[in-house]
């Protein structure tokens, strides 16, 4: 977090409120989450993480795919496993193609050697 002090006027401007409202906001027992988000961004400090650490709940087994859709972690793991299997299959195919190319090269070199022996 940037340790420089942010004036109430700067914070008020970021929140789109009057500077006097910032002082009153400090005295309130609650705050809108959007305001806390803007304050977090303005002060470059994650105040949501502070509250989360205080709650000390077990973290849900979900990750955010995008802001509107939650995808279960197990589904993502299945997709990842499938992609890893595809990658492994492609690696094997590449190795097979490389071996085929090496075999063709070896056969060609044998033919050249046979021709050289005949001379």
Protein backbone atom coordinates (compact mmCIF):
# COMPACT_ATOMS: atom_id res chain seq x y z
CA UNK A 1 0.00 0.00 0.00
CA UNK A 2 1.23 3.45 -0.79
CA UNK A 3 1.99 5.09 2.57
CA UNK A 4 1.27 8.60 1.33
CA UNK A 5 -1.81 10.07 2.97
CA UNK A 6 -4.84 10.57 0.80
CA UNK A 7 -6.78 13.65 1.67
CA UNK A 8 -10.51 13.47 2.34
CA UNK A 9 -10.99 15.64 -0.75
CA UNK A 10 -9.19 13.11 -3.00
CA UNK A 11 -11.12 10.22 -1.46
CA UNK A 12 -14.39 12.16 -1.78
CA UNK A 13 -13.64 12.84 -5.45
CA UNK A 14 -12.92 9.13 -6.06
CA UNK A 15 -16.19 8.18 -4.36
CA UNK A 16 -18.16 10.93 -6.05
CA UNK A 17 -19.30 12.43 -2.75
CA UNK A 18 -18.79 15.68 -0.84
CA UNK A 19 -15.58 15.95 1.21
CA UNK A 20 -17.61 16.42 4.39
CA UNK A 21 -19.28 13.08 3.78
CA UNK A 22 -15.92 11.34 4.04
CA UNK A 23 -15.54 12.45 7.66
CA UNK A 24 -19.05 11.23 8.48
CA UNK A 25 -18.33 7.96 6.66
CA UNK A 26 -15.44 7.28 9.08
CA UNK A 27 -17.91 7.39 11.96
CA UNK A 28 -20.43 4.99 10.40
CA UNK A 29 -20.63 1.38 11.57
CA UNK A 30 -21.19 0.13 8.02
CA UNK A 31 -20.29 0.99 4.45
CA UNK A 32 -21.49 0.04 0.98
CA UNK A 33 -19.29 -2.53 -0.69
CA UNK A 34 -18.91 -0.35 -3.79
CA UNK A 35 -17.53 2.44 -1.59
CA UNK A 36 -15.11 0.00 0.05
CA UNK A 37 -14.02 -1.19 -3.39
CA UNK A 38 -13.30 2.37 -4.53
CA UNK A 39 -11.46 3.14 -1.29
CA UNK A 40 -9.41 -0.05 -1.72
CA UNK A 41 -8.50 0.92 -5.27
CA UNK A 42 -7.74 4.54 -4.34
CA UNK A 43 -5.55 3.58 -1.37
CA UNK A 44 -4.13 0.52 -3.16
CA UNK A 45 -5.04 -1.72 -0.22
CA UNK A 46 -7.37 -4.73 -0.17
CA UNK A 47 -9.74 -3.97 2.71
CA UNK A 48 -11.91 -6.92 1.68
CA UNK A 49 -9.02 -9.23 2.51
CA UNK A 50 -8.83 -7.66 5.97
CA UNK A 51 -12.50 -8.46 6.61
CA UNK A 52 -12.14 -11.95 5.14
CA UNK A 53 -9.24 -12.74 7.44
CA UNK A 54 -11.31 -11.59 10.43
CA UNK A 55 -14.20 -13.90 9.45
CA UNK A 56 -11.86 -16.91 9.19
CA UNK A 57 -14.36 -19.04 7.25
CA UNK A 58 -13.33 -22.11 5.30
CA UNK A 59 -12.79 -20.99 1.70
CA UNK A 60 -15.38 -22.31 -0.77
CA UNK A 61 -14.26 -24.89 -3.31
CA UNK A 62 -15.11 -22.59 -6.18
CA UNK A 63 -13.19 -20.21 -8.37
CA UNK A 64 -14.48 -17.31 -10.37
CA UNK A 65 -14.52 -18.07 -14.09
CA UNK A 66 -15.84 -14.60 -14.76
CA UNK A 67 -17.71 -12.11 -12.54
CA UNK A 68 -21.10 -13.66 -13.21
CA UNK A 69 -20.40 -17.40 -13.37
CA UNK A 70 -19.01 -19.65 -10.68
CA UNK A 71 -17.44 -22.88 -11.83
CA UNK A 72 -16.81 -25.72 -9.43
CA UNK A 73 -13.15 -26.47 -8.85
CA UNK A 74 -13.67 -30.15 -9.61
CA UNK A 75 -15.03 -29.27 -13.08
CA UNK A 76 -11.96 -27.15 -13.80
CA UNK A 77 -9.75 -29.98 -12.60
CA UNK A 78 -11.54 -32.38 -14.97
CA UNK A 79 -11.03 -29.98 -17.86
CA UNK A 80 -7.37 -29.56 -16.93
CA UNK A 81 -6.88 -33.32 -16.72
CA UNK A 82 -8.49 -33.73 -20.16
CA UNK A 83 -6.24 -31.06 -21.65
CA UNK A 84 -3.18 -32.70 -20.06
CA UNK A 85 -4.18 -36.05 -21.62
CA UNK A 86 -4.54 -34.32 -25.00
CA UNK A 87 -1.10 -32.76 -24.58
CA UNK A 88 0.45 -36.13 -23.73
CA UNK A 89 -1.20 -37.74 -26.78
CA UNK A 90 0.15 -34.95 -28.99
CA UNK A 91 3.65 -35.37 -27.53
CA UNK A 92 3.52 -39.10 -28.33
CA UNK A 93 2.35 -38.34 -31.85
CA UNK A 94 5.23 -35.91 -32.32
CA UNK A 95 7.70 -38.53 -31.09
CA UNK A 96 6.22 -41.10 -33.47
CA UNK A 97 6.53 -38.67 -36.38
CA UNK A 98 10.12 -37.90 -35.42
CA UNK A 99 10.93 -41.62 -35.26
CA UNK A 100 9.29 -42.19 -38.65
CA UNK A 101 11.39 -39.38 -40.10
CA UNK A 102 14.56 -40.85 -38.56
CA UNK A 103 13.71 -44.29 -39.99
CA UNK A 104 13.21 -42.79 -43.46
CA UNK A 105 16.51 -40.95 -43.15
CA UNK A 106 18.29 -44.14 -42.07
CA UNK A 107 16.80 -46.07 -44.99
CA UNK A 108 17.93 -43.35 -47.37
CA UNK A 109 21.45 -43.40 -45.88
CA UNK A 110 21.54 -47.22 -46.26
CA UNK A 111 20.63 -46.86 -49.92
CA UNK A 112 23.42 -44.30 -50.38
CA UNK A 113 25.90 -46.65 -48.65
CA UNK A 114 24.83 -49.55 -50.88
CA UNK A 115 25.32 -47.41 -53.96
CA UNK A 116 28.75 -46.30 -52.74
CA UNK A 117 29.77 -49.91 -52.09
CA UNK A 118 28.83 -50.87 -55.68
CA UNK A 119 31.21 -48.30 -57.16
